[in-house]
N, C-alpha and C. Protein backbone atom coordinates (compact mmCIF):
# COMPACT_ATOMS: atom_id res chain seq x y z
N MET A 1 0.85 -1.18 0.00
CA MET A 1 0.00 0.00 0.00
C MET A 1 0.90 1.24 0.00
N LEU A 2 0.86 1.99 -1.08
CA LEU A 2 1.69 3.18 -1.21
C LEU A 2 0.95 4.40 -0.67
N PHE A 3 1.73 5.39 -0.20
CA PHE A 3 1.12 6.59 0.35
C PHE A 3 0.32 7.38 -0.69
N ASN A 4 0.66 7.23 -1.96
CA ASN A 4 -0.07 7.97 -3.01
C ASN A 4 -1.12 7.11 -3.71
N SER A 5 -1.44 5.95 -3.15
CA SER A 5 -2.46 5.09 -3.76
C SER A 5 -3.85 5.51 -3.30
N TYR A 6 -4.85 5.23 -4.12
CA TYR A 6 -6.23 5.55 -3.75
C TYR A 6 -6.65 4.77 -2.50
N VAL A 7 -6.17 3.54 -2.38
CA VAL A 7 -6.54 2.72 -1.22
C VAL A 7 -6.09 3.38 0.07
N PHE A 8 -4.87 3.95 0.05
CA PHE A 8 -4.35 4.61 1.25
C PHE A 8 -5.02 5.96 1.49
N VAL A 9 -5.06 6.80 0.45
CA VAL A 9 -5.53 8.18 0.61
C VAL A 9 -7.04 8.23 0.90
N LEU A 10 -7.80 7.41 0.21
CA LEU A 10 -9.27 7.46 0.33
C LEU A 10 -9.85 6.42 1.26
N GLY A 11 -9.05 5.42 1.63
CA GLY A 11 -9.56 4.36 2.47
C GLY A 11 -8.83 4.23 3.80
N PHE A 12 -7.62 3.72 3.75
CA PHE A 12 -6.91 3.38 4.97
C PHE A 12 -6.68 4.59 5.87
N LEU A 13 -6.13 5.69 5.32
CA LEU A 13 -5.77 6.84 6.15
C LEU A 13 -6.97 7.49 6.83
N PRO A 14 -8.02 7.87 6.10
CA PRO A 14 -9.15 8.52 6.80
C PRO A 14 -9.85 7.61 7.79
N ILE A 15 -9.98 6.33 7.46
CA ILE A 15 -10.62 5.40 8.39
C ILE A 15 -9.77 5.24 9.65
N THR A 16 -8.46 5.10 9.48
CA THR A 16 -7.56 4.93 10.63
C THR A 16 -7.59 6.16 11.52
N LEU A 17 -7.51 7.36 10.92
CA LEU A 17 -7.52 8.58 11.72
C LEU A 17 -8.84 8.74 12.47
N ALA A 18 -9.95 8.50 11.78
CA ALA A 18 -11.25 8.66 12.41
C ALA A 18 -11.42 7.71 13.60
N LEU A 19 -11.04 6.45 13.40
CA LEU A 19 -11.18 5.47 14.47
C LEU A 19 -10.21 5.76 15.61
N PHE A 20 -8.98 6.16 15.28
CA PHE A 20 -8.00 6.44 16.32
C PHE A 20 -8.47 7.56 17.24
N PHE A 21 -8.90 8.70 16.65
CA PHE A 21 -9.33 9.82 17.48
C PHE A 21 -10.63 9.52 18.22
N THR A 22 -11.50 8.72 17.63
CA THR A 22 -12.73 8.33 18.32
C THR A 22 -12.42 7.47 19.53
N ILE A 23 -11.55 6.47 19.35
CA ILE A 23 -11.18 5.59 20.46
C ILE A 23 -10.39 6.35 21.52
N ALA A 24 -9.53 7.29 21.09
CA ALA A 24 -8.70 8.04 22.03
C ALA A 24 -9.53 8.88 22.99
N LYS A 25 -10.71 9.31 22.57
CA LYS A 25 -11.57 10.09 23.46
C LYS A 25 -12.04 9.26 24.65
N VAL A 26 -12.08 7.94 24.47
CA VAL A 26 -12.55 7.04 25.53
C VAL A 26 -11.37 6.41 26.28
N ASP A 27 -10.38 5.92 25.53
CA ASP A 27 -9.27 5.18 26.14
C ASP A 27 -8.04 5.32 25.26
N ARG A 28 -7.06 6.07 25.73
CA ARG A 28 -5.87 6.32 24.91
C ARG A 28 -5.02 5.07 24.76
N ARG A 29 -5.00 4.22 25.77
CA ARG A 29 -4.24 2.98 25.64
C ARG A 29 -4.84 2.10 24.55
N ALA A 30 -6.17 2.02 24.53
CA ALA A 30 -6.83 1.25 23.47
C ALA A 30 -6.58 1.87 22.11
N ALA A 31 -6.50 3.20 22.07
CA ALA A 31 -6.23 3.88 20.80
C ALA A 31 -4.85 3.51 20.28
N ARG A 32 -3.85 3.42 21.19
CA ARG A 32 -2.51 3.02 20.75
C ARG A 32 -2.50 1.58 20.27
N HIS A 33 -3.26 0.71 20.94
CA HIS A 33 -3.35 -0.67 20.49
C HIS A 33 -4.00 -0.75 19.11
N PHE A 34 -5.02 0.07 18.90
CA PHE A 34 -5.65 0.12 17.58
C PHE A 34 -4.65 0.59 16.53
N LEU A 35 -3.85 1.60 16.87
CA LEU A 35 -2.86 2.11 15.92
C LEU A 35 -1.82 1.04 15.60
N LEU A 36 -1.48 0.21 16.57
CA LEU A 36 -0.55 -0.89 16.33
C LEU A 36 -1.16 -1.89 15.35
N ILE A 37 -2.41 -2.23 15.55
CA ILE A 37 -3.09 -3.17 14.64
C ILE A 37 -3.16 -2.58 13.23
N ALA A 38 -3.52 -1.29 13.14
CA ALA A 38 -3.60 -0.63 11.84
C ALA A 38 -2.24 -0.62 11.15
N SER A 39 -1.18 -0.38 11.91
CA SER A 39 0.17 -0.35 11.34
C SER A 39 0.57 -1.73 10.83
N PHE A 40 0.20 -2.78 11.58
CA PHE A 40 0.49 -4.13 11.10
C PHE A 40 -0.29 -4.43 9.82
N LEU A 41 -1.56 -4.04 9.78
CA LEU A 41 -2.36 -4.27 8.57
C LEU A 41 -1.79 -3.52 7.37
N PHE A 42 -1.28 -2.32 7.62
CA PHE A 42 -0.63 -1.54 6.56
C PHE A 42 0.55 -2.31 5.98
N TYR A 43 1.37 -2.91 6.87
CA TYR A 43 2.53 -3.67 6.42
C TYR A 43 2.10 -4.99 5.76
N ALA A 44 1.16 -5.70 6.41
CA ALA A 44 0.75 -7.02 5.94
C ALA A 44 -0.10 -6.94 4.66
N TRP A 45 -0.60 -5.75 4.31
CA TRP A 45 -1.35 -5.58 3.07
C TRP A 45 -0.52 -6.03 1.88
N TRP A 46 0.78 -5.77 1.94
CA TRP A 46 1.69 -6.14 0.86
C TRP A 46 2.02 -7.63 0.91
N SER A 47 2.29 -8.16 2.11
CA SER A 47 2.62 -9.57 2.28
C SER A 47 2.37 -9.97 3.72
N PHE A 48 1.37 -10.82 3.92
CA PHE A 48 1.07 -11.27 5.28
C PHE A 48 2.22 -12.09 5.85
N GLU A 49 2.86 -12.91 5.00
CA GLU A 49 3.98 -13.74 5.48
C GLU A 49 5.12 -12.87 5.98
N TYR A 50 5.47 -11.83 5.23
CA TYR A 50 6.53 -10.94 5.68
C TYR A 50 6.08 -10.11 6.88
N GLY A 51 4.77 -9.91 7.00
CA GLY A 51 4.25 -9.27 8.21
C GLY A 51 4.57 -10.11 9.45
N LEU A 52 4.46 -11.42 9.32
CA LEU A 52 4.81 -12.31 10.43
C LEU A 52 6.31 -12.27 10.71
N VAL A 53 7.13 -12.10 9.64
CA VAL A 53 8.57 -12.01 9.82
C VAL A 53 8.93 -10.78 10.66
N ILE A 54 8.34 -9.63 10.32
CA ILE A 54 8.68 -8.42 11.08
C ILE A 54 8.17 -8.52 12.52
N VAL A 55 7.03 -9.18 12.72
CA VAL A 55 6.55 -9.38 14.09
C VAL A 55 7.54 -10.23 14.87
N ALA A 56 8.08 -11.27 14.23
CA ALA A 56 9.06 -12.13 14.89
C ALA A 56 10.32 -11.34 15.27
N THR A 57 10.79 -10.48 14.36
CA THR A 57 11.99 -9.69 14.67
C THR A 57 11.71 -8.71 15.81
N ILE A 58 10.50 -8.16 15.84
CA ILE A 58 10.14 -7.22 16.90
C ILE A 58 10.17 -7.93 18.26
N VAL A 59 9.56 -9.10 18.34
CA VAL A 59 9.51 -9.84 19.61
C VAL A 59 10.91 -10.23 20.07
N VAL A 60 11.72 -10.76 19.14
CA VAL A 60 13.07 -11.19 19.51
C VAL A 60 13.92 -10.01 19.95
N ASN A 61 13.90 -8.91 19.18
CA ASN A 61 14.71 -7.74 19.53
C ASN A 61 14.23 -7.07 20.81
N PHE A 62 12.94 -7.11 21.06
CA PHE A 62 12.41 -6.54 22.30
C PHE A 62 13.01 -7.24 23.51
N PHE A 63 12.98 -8.57 23.52
CA PHE A 63 13.52 -9.31 24.66
C PHE A 63 15.04 -9.24 24.71
N LEU A 64 15.68 -9.20 23.54
CA LEU A 64 17.14 -9.03 23.54
C LEU A 64 17.53 -7.68 24.12
N GLY A 65 16.80 -6.63 23.74
CA GLY A 65 17.10 -5.30 24.27
C GLY A 65 16.97 -5.25 25.78
N ARG A 66 15.91 -5.87 26.30
CA ARG A 66 15.73 -5.90 27.76
C ARG A 66 16.85 -6.67 28.45
N LYS A 67 17.22 -7.82 27.87
CA LYS A 67 18.26 -8.64 28.48
C LYS A 67 19.61 -7.93 28.41
N ILE A 68 19.91 -7.29 27.29
CA ILE A 68 21.18 -6.57 27.14
C ILE A 68 21.28 -5.46 28.17
N GLN A 69 20.19 -4.71 28.36
CA GLN A 69 20.24 -3.61 29.32
C GLN A 69 20.34 -4.14 30.75
N GLU A 70 19.66 -5.24 31.01
CA GLU A 70 19.75 -5.85 32.35
C GLU A 70 21.18 -6.31 32.64
N LEU A 71 21.82 -6.94 31.66
CA LEU A 71 23.21 -7.37 31.84
C LEU A 71 24.14 -6.17 31.96
N ALA A 72 23.89 -5.13 31.18
CA ALA A 72 24.73 -3.93 31.25
C ALA A 72 24.67 -3.30 32.64
N ASP A 73 23.54 -3.45 33.31
CA ASP A 73 23.39 -2.89 34.65
C ASP A 73 24.11 -3.71 35.71
N HIS A 74 24.15 -5.04 35.54
CA HIS A 74 24.63 -5.90 36.62
C HIS A 74 25.81 -6.80 36.23
N ARG A 75 25.90 -7.19 34.97
CA ARG A 75 26.98 -8.09 34.52
C ARG A 75 27.50 -7.59 33.18
N ALA A 76 28.21 -6.47 33.24
CA ALA A 76 28.59 -5.74 32.02
C ALA A 76 29.40 -6.58 31.04
N LYS A 77 30.22 -7.50 31.55
CA LYS A 77 31.07 -8.29 30.66
C LYS A 77 30.26 -9.22 29.75
N MET A 78 29.05 -9.58 30.17
CA MET A 78 28.21 -10.46 29.37
C MET A 78 27.31 -9.69 28.41
N ALA A 79 27.15 -8.39 28.65
CA ALA A 79 26.24 -7.60 27.83
C ALA A 79 26.79 -7.40 26.42
N LYS A 80 28.08 -7.11 26.31
CA LYS A 80 28.65 -6.82 25.00
C LYS A 80 28.61 -8.02 24.05
N PRO A 81 28.99 -9.24 24.49
CA PRO A 81 28.86 -10.39 23.59
C PRO A 81 27.43 -10.62 23.12
N LEU A 82 26.45 -10.42 24.01
CA LEU A 82 25.06 -10.59 23.61
C LEU A 82 24.66 -9.53 22.60
N LEU A 83 25.14 -8.30 22.79
CA LEU A 83 24.87 -7.23 21.82
C LEU A 83 25.45 -7.60 20.46
N VAL A 84 26.68 -8.09 20.43
CA VAL A 84 27.31 -8.47 19.16
C VAL A 84 26.51 -9.56 18.47
N ILE A 85 26.08 -10.57 19.23
CA ILE A 85 25.28 -11.66 18.65
C ILE A 85 23.96 -11.12 18.11
N ALA A 86 23.32 -10.24 18.87
CA ALA A 86 22.02 -9.69 18.45
C ALA A 86 22.15 -8.86 17.18
N VAL A 87 23.16 -8.00 17.13
CA VAL A 87 23.38 -7.17 15.94
C VAL A 87 23.73 -8.05 14.74
N ALA A 88 24.59 -9.06 14.96
CA ALA A 88 24.99 -9.96 13.87
C ALA A 88 23.78 -10.72 13.33
N ALA A 89 22.87 -11.13 14.21
CA ALA A 89 21.67 -11.85 13.76
C ALA A 89 20.79 -10.95 12.90
N ASN A 90 20.64 -9.70 13.30
CA ASN A 90 19.85 -8.76 12.51
C ASN A 90 20.48 -8.51 11.15
N VAL A 91 21.81 -8.33 11.13
CA VAL A 91 22.51 -8.09 9.86
C VAL A 91 22.46 -9.32 8.98
N ALA A 92 22.55 -10.51 9.59
CA ALA A 92 22.49 -11.75 8.82
C ALA A 92 21.12 -11.91 8.14
N LEU A 93 20.06 -11.60 8.87
CA LEU A 93 18.72 -11.68 8.29
C LEU A 93 18.57 -10.70 7.14
N LEU A 94 19.05 -9.48 7.34
CA LEU A 94 18.99 -8.46 6.30
C LEU A 94 19.80 -8.90 5.08
N SER A 95 20.99 -9.44 5.31
CA SER A 95 21.85 -9.87 4.21
C SER A 95 21.23 -11.02 3.44
N TYR A 96 20.58 -11.93 4.15
CA TYR A 96 19.93 -13.06 3.48
C TYR A 96 18.91 -12.57 2.46
N PHE A 97 18.05 -11.67 2.88
CA PHE A 97 17.01 -11.19 1.98
C PHE A 97 17.57 -10.31 0.87
N LYS A 98 18.59 -9.51 1.18
CA LYS A 98 19.10 -8.56 0.18
C LYS A 98 20.06 -9.20 -0.82
N TYR A 99 20.80 -10.24 -0.38
CA TYR A 99 21.89 -10.72 -1.22
C TYR A 99 21.81 -12.19 -1.61
N ARG A 100 20.76 -12.91 -1.18
CA ARG A 100 20.68 -14.33 -1.54
C ARG A 100 20.66 -14.52 -3.04
N ASN A 101 19.80 -13.79 -3.74
CA ASN A 101 19.72 -13.93 -5.19
C ASN A 101 21.04 -13.59 -5.87
N PHE A 102 21.70 -12.54 -5.36
CA PHE A 102 22.98 -12.10 -5.93
C PHE A 102 24.03 -13.20 -5.83
N PHE A 103 24.17 -13.82 -4.65
CA PHE A 103 25.18 -14.85 -4.45
C PHE A 103 24.87 -16.11 -5.25
N ILE A 104 23.62 -16.49 -5.33
CA ILE A 104 23.26 -17.69 -6.10
C ILE A 104 23.54 -17.48 -7.57
N ASP A 105 23.16 -16.33 -8.11
CA ASP A 105 23.41 -16.04 -9.53
C ASP A 105 24.90 -16.04 -9.84
N ASN A 106 25.69 -15.44 -8.98
CA ASN A 106 27.13 -15.38 -9.22
C ASN A 106 27.80 -16.74 -9.02
N PHE A 107 27.32 -17.51 -8.07
CA PHE A 107 27.86 -18.85 -7.88
C PHE A 107 27.60 -19.70 -9.12
N ASN A 108 26.38 -19.63 -9.67
CA ASN A 108 26.06 -20.38 -10.88
C ASN A 108 26.92 -19.94 -12.05
N MET A 109 27.17 -18.64 -12.15
CA MET A 109 27.96 -18.13 -13.26
C MET A 109 29.42 -18.58 -13.16
N VAL A 110 30.00 -18.55 -11.95
CA VAL A 110 31.40 -18.91 -11.76
C VAL A 110 31.62 -20.40 -11.89
N THR A 111 30.72 -21.21 -11.34
CA THR A 111 30.92 -22.66 -11.32
C THR A 111 30.26 -23.37 -12.49
N GLY A 112 29.42 -22.67 -13.22
CA GLY A 112 28.70 -23.32 -14.32
C GLY A 112 27.58 -24.22 -13.85
N SER A 113 27.26 -24.15 -12.56
CA SER A 113 26.15 -24.95 -12.03
C SER A 113 24.83 -24.30 -12.38
N ASN A 114 23.77 -25.00 -12.05
CA ASN A 114 22.44 -24.50 -12.42
C ASN A 114 21.48 -24.65 -11.25
N TRP A 115 21.89 -24.11 -10.12
CA TRP A 115 20.98 -24.13 -8.98
C TRP A 115 19.78 -23.25 -9.28
N GLU A 116 18.62 -23.78 -9.04
CA GLU A 116 17.40 -23.04 -9.32
C GLU A 116 16.61 -22.82 -8.03
N PHE A 117 16.49 -21.58 -7.67
CA PHE A 117 15.69 -21.19 -6.52
C PHE A 117 14.70 -20.12 -6.98
N ALA A 118 13.53 -20.16 -6.41
CA ALA A 118 12.56 -19.10 -6.71
C ALA A 118 13.15 -17.76 -6.28
N PRO A 119 13.07 -16.73 -7.12
CA PRO A 119 13.60 -15.42 -6.73
C PRO A 119 12.99 -14.96 -5.42
N LEU A 120 13.83 -14.42 -4.56
CA LEU A 120 13.38 -13.97 -3.24
C LEU A 120 13.01 -12.50 -3.31
N VAL A 121 11.76 -12.19 -3.00
CA VAL A 121 11.30 -10.81 -3.01
C VAL A 121 11.72 -10.14 -1.71
N LEU A 122 12.24 -8.95 -1.82
CA LEU A 122 12.74 -8.22 -0.65
C LEU A 122 11.56 -7.76 0.22
N PRO A 123 11.56 -8.08 1.52
CA PRO A 123 10.49 -7.59 2.39
C PRO A 123 10.45 -6.07 2.43
N LEU A 124 9.25 -5.55 2.57
CA LEU A 124 9.04 -4.10 2.59
C LEU A 124 9.80 -3.47 3.76
N ALA A 125 10.59 -2.44 3.45
CA ALA A 125 11.27 -1.61 4.46
C ALA A 125 12.16 -2.41 5.40
N ILE A 126 12.74 -3.52 4.92
CA ILE A 126 13.52 -4.36 5.82
C ILE A 126 14.77 -3.64 6.32
N SER A 127 15.41 -2.85 5.47
CA SER A 127 16.59 -2.11 5.91
C SER A 127 16.22 -1.11 7.00
N PHE A 128 15.11 -0.41 6.80
CA PHE A 128 14.68 0.61 7.75
C PHE A 128 14.42 0.01 9.12
N HIS A 129 13.56 -1.01 9.19
CA HIS A 129 13.21 -1.49 10.53
C HIS A 129 14.34 -2.31 11.14
N THR A 130 15.24 -2.88 10.33
CA THR A 130 16.40 -3.58 10.88
C THR A 130 17.35 -2.60 11.57
N PHE A 131 17.69 -1.51 10.88
CA PHE A 131 18.62 -0.54 11.47
C PHE A 131 17.99 0.21 12.65
N GLN A 132 16.68 0.41 12.60
CA GLN A 132 16.02 1.06 13.73
C GLN A 132 16.10 0.18 14.97
N GLN A 133 15.94 -1.13 14.77
CA GLN A 133 16.00 -2.04 15.91
C GLN A 133 17.44 -2.23 16.39
N ILE A 134 18.40 -2.20 15.48
CA ILE A 134 19.80 -2.26 15.90
C ILE A 134 20.15 -1.04 16.76
N ALA A 135 19.68 0.14 16.36
CA ALA A 135 19.92 1.34 17.16
C ALA A 135 19.32 1.19 18.55
N TYR A 136 18.15 0.57 18.65
CA TYR A 136 17.52 0.33 19.94
C TYR A 136 18.37 -0.62 20.79
N LEU A 137 18.94 -1.66 20.18
CA LEU A 137 19.78 -2.60 20.92
C LEU A 137 21.04 -1.91 21.44
N VAL A 138 21.65 -1.07 20.60
CA VAL A 138 22.86 -0.36 21.01
C VAL A 138 22.54 0.61 22.16
N ASP A 139 21.42 1.32 22.05
CA ASP A 139 21.04 2.24 23.13
C ASP A 139 20.72 1.47 24.42
N SER A 140 20.17 0.26 24.27
CA SER A 140 19.92 -0.57 25.45
C SER A 140 21.24 -0.94 26.13
N TYR A 141 22.24 -1.27 25.31
CA TYR A 141 23.56 -1.61 25.86
C TYR A 141 24.15 -0.43 26.63
N HIS A 142 23.92 0.77 26.13
CA HIS A 142 24.44 1.96 26.80
C HIS A 142 23.50 2.45 27.90
N ARG A 143 22.48 1.66 28.21
CA ARG A 143 21.52 1.94 29.28
C ARG A 143 20.83 3.28 29.11
N LYS A 144 20.45 3.56 27.87
CA LYS A 144 19.79 4.82 27.56
C LYS A 144 18.28 4.66 27.34
N VAL A 145 17.78 3.43 27.47
CA VAL A 145 16.38 3.16 27.13
C VAL A 145 15.56 2.96 28.39
N ASP A 146 14.46 3.68 28.49
CA ASP A 146 13.44 3.39 29.49
C ASP A 146 12.57 2.31 28.88
N GLN A 147 12.87 1.06 29.19
CA GLN A 147 12.30 -0.07 28.46
C GLN A 147 10.77 -0.03 28.45
N PRO A 148 10.17 -0.04 27.26
CA PRO A 148 8.71 0.04 27.15
C PRO A 148 8.08 -1.34 27.19
N PRO A 149 6.75 -1.42 27.35
CA PRO A 149 6.07 -2.70 27.18
C PRO A 149 6.11 -3.11 25.71
N LEU A 150 5.90 -4.40 25.47
CA LEU A 150 6.01 -4.93 24.11
C LEU A 150 5.11 -4.23 23.10
N PRO A 151 3.82 -3.97 23.39
CA PRO A 151 2.98 -3.30 22.38
C PRO A 151 3.52 -1.92 22.00
N THR A 152 4.07 -1.18 22.97
CA THR A 152 4.61 0.14 22.67
C THR A 152 5.85 0.03 21.80
N TYR A 153 6.72 -0.93 22.12
CA TYR A 153 7.91 -1.13 21.28
C TYR A 153 7.51 -1.56 19.87
N ALA A 154 6.51 -2.43 19.76
CA ALA A 154 6.05 -2.88 18.44
C ALA A 154 5.52 -1.71 17.62
N LEU A 155 4.79 -0.80 18.26
CA LEU A 155 4.28 0.37 17.56
C LEU A 155 5.43 1.29 17.15
N PHE A 156 6.44 1.40 17.99
CA PHE A 156 7.64 2.19 17.67
C PHE A 156 8.28 1.71 16.36
N VAL A 157 8.32 0.40 16.15
CA VAL A 157 8.93 -0.15 14.93
C VAL A 157 7.96 -0.11 13.75
N LEU A 158 6.70 -0.42 13.99
CA LEU A 158 5.72 -0.58 12.91
C LEU A 158 4.99 0.69 12.52
N PHE A 159 5.14 1.76 13.28
CA PHE A 159 4.35 2.98 13.09
C PHE A 159 4.28 3.36 11.60
N PHE A 160 3.11 3.25 11.01
CA PHE A 160 3.01 3.26 9.55
C PHE A 160 3.40 4.58 8.87
N PRO A 161 3.23 5.77 9.49
CA PRO A 161 3.64 6.98 8.75
C PRO A 161 5.13 7.04 8.44
N GLN A 162 5.96 6.31 9.21
CA GLN A 162 7.40 6.36 8.97
C GLN A 162 7.96 5.03 8.47
N LEU A 163 7.13 4.01 8.36
CA LEU A 163 7.63 2.66 8.11
C LEU A 163 8.32 2.52 6.76
N ILE A 164 7.77 3.15 5.73
CA ILE A 164 8.33 3.00 4.39
C ILE A 164 9.38 4.07 4.09
N ALA A 165 9.04 5.32 4.37
CA ALA A 165 9.90 6.43 3.97
C ALA A 165 10.85 6.89 5.06
N GLY A 166 10.69 6.37 6.27
CA GLY A 166 11.56 6.82 7.36
C GLY A 166 11.09 8.17 7.89
N PRO A 167 11.93 8.91 8.58
CA PRO A 167 13.34 8.60 8.85
C PRO A 167 13.51 7.61 9.98
N ILE A 168 14.72 7.04 10.09
CA ILE A 168 15.04 6.21 11.23
C ILE A 168 15.10 7.13 12.46
N VAL A 169 14.35 6.76 13.49
CA VAL A 169 14.32 7.59 14.71
C VAL A 169 14.84 6.78 15.88
N HIS A 170 15.47 7.48 16.81
CA HIS A 170 15.91 6.83 18.04
C HIS A 170 14.72 6.69 18.99
N HIS A 171 14.88 5.80 19.94
CA HIS A 171 13.79 5.53 20.88
C HIS A 171 13.34 6.79 21.59
N TYR A 172 14.27 7.70 21.93
CA TYR A 172 13.91 8.88 22.72
C TYR A 172 13.08 9.88 21.93
N GLN A 173 13.02 9.72 20.59
CA GLN A 173 12.23 10.64 19.78
C GLN A 173 10.77 10.23 19.68
N LEU A 174 10.48 8.95 19.85
CA LEU A 174 9.10 8.50 19.64
C LEU A 174 8.52 7.73 20.82
N LEU A 175 9.32 6.89 21.47
CA LEU A 175 8.78 6.06 22.55
C LEU A 175 8.12 6.86 23.66
N PRO A 176 8.71 7.98 24.13
CA PRO A 176 8.03 8.73 25.20
C PRO A 176 6.64 9.22 24.78
N GLN A 177 6.49 9.58 23.50
CA GLN A 177 5.19 10.05 23.02
C GLN A 177 4.18 8.91 22.99
N LEU A 178 4.66 7.71 22.72
CA LEU A 178 3.75 6.57 22.65
C LEU A 178 3.36 6.07 24.03
N LYS A 179 4.21 6.33 25.04
CA LYS A 179 3.93 5.84 26.39
C LYS A 179 3.19 6.85 27.26
N ASP A 180 3.30 8.12 26.95
CA ASP A 180 2.77 9.17 27.82
C ASP A 180 1.25 9.20 27.77
N MET A 181 0.61 8.83 28.87
CA MET A 181 -0.85 8.81 28.93
C MET A 181 -1.44 10.20 29.06
N ASN A 182 -0.62 11.23 29.33
CA ASN A 182 -1.13 12.58 29.51
C ASN A 182 -1.13 13.40 28.23
N LEU A 183 -0.65 12.78 27.13
CA LEU A 183 -0.68 13.50 25.87
C LEU A 183 -2.12 13.70 25.41
N PRO A 184 -2.40 14.75 24.64
CA PRO A 184 -3.70 14.85 23.99
C PRO A 184 -3.85 13.70 23.02
N PRO A 185 -5.07 13.37 22.60
CA PRO A 185 -5.27 12.20 21.74
C PRO A 185 -4.73 12.41 20.34
N SER A 186 -3.45 12.63 20.24
CA SER A 186 -2.78 12.75 18.96
C SER A 186 -1.32 12.48 19.19
N LEU A 187 -0.57 12.30 18.12
CA LEU A 187 0.85 12.03 18.24
C LEU A 187 1.64 13.19 17.67
N ASP A 188 2.46 13.82 18.51
CA ASP A 188 3.33 14.89 18.05
C ASP A 188 4.58 14.26 17.47
N LEU A 189 4.75 14.35 16.16
CA LEU A 189 5.86 13.68 15.50
C LEU A 189 7.04 14.61 15.24
N SER A 190 7.04 15.80 15.84
CA SER A 190 8.17 16.71 15.63
C SER A 190 9.38 16.16 16.35
N PHE A 191 10.55 16.37 15.76
CA PHE A 191 11.78 15.88 16.34
C PHE A 191 12.40 16.97 17.20
N PRO A 192 13.21 16.57 18.18
CA PRO A 192 13.85 17.59 19.02
C PRO A 192 14.67 18.55 18.20
N LYS A 193 14.62 19.83 18.54
CA LYS A 193 15.37 20.84 17.80
C LYS A 193 16.85 20.67 18.08
N THR A 194 17.65 20.66 17.05
CA THR A 194 19.09 20.55 17.21
C THR A 194 19.71 21.91 16.99
N SER A 195 20.82 22.12 17.68
CA SER A 195 21.49 23.42 17.57
C SER A 195 22.18 23.52 16.22
N SER A 196 22.38 24.72 15.78
CA SER A 196 23.00 24.98 14.48
C SER A 196 23.95 26.13 14.60
N VAL A 197 24.95 26.13 13.76
CA VAL A 197 25.89 27.25 13.76
C VAL A 197 25.19 28.54 13.34
N LEU A 198 24.01 28.41 12.73
CA LEU A 198 23.27 29.60 12.30
C LEU A 198 22.41 30.17 13.41
N ASP A 199 22.24 29.41 14.53
CA ASP A 199 21.40 29.90 15.62
C ASP A 199 22.06 31.08 16.33
């Protein structure tokens, strides 16, 4: 589902906004859960199977981030190896999807073999959500994360307005907005102002 498609502009977006603000008037926590479901449906519209893949990465990285930060607090020597393993696993998954076809084609060309595999379609926004989750793992290692509940973390990764086009955001730019129950029933997506030599 593209942002400039009729399905998104005339269907998904207005329905999602209307339901989100309606639910938020009654229960903001339920509104965030609804937004999480809507974001998953936005992703799974393209491929339900790859939707399950991103859900799996979210669950695994969520628990890895918590464990890494817990070890960093009490057993620092064990935190770094776990961080390396977690980052390597994320990069390996990304590399598999991005480069499997490339390596098979080149192997066949060099060896003259004829391995036949169905072409692997690249999952939507896999680079974006992989690097966003790696940044979360690194920040967890540095004990910079106020660890959120799983639904909030899942929404942080899946949030549909940024899922395809980005930008990659750090946890401190979005997670507090998703967790704060005192916010008005809307999401302020402005980023913190950075200083400039022109200021």
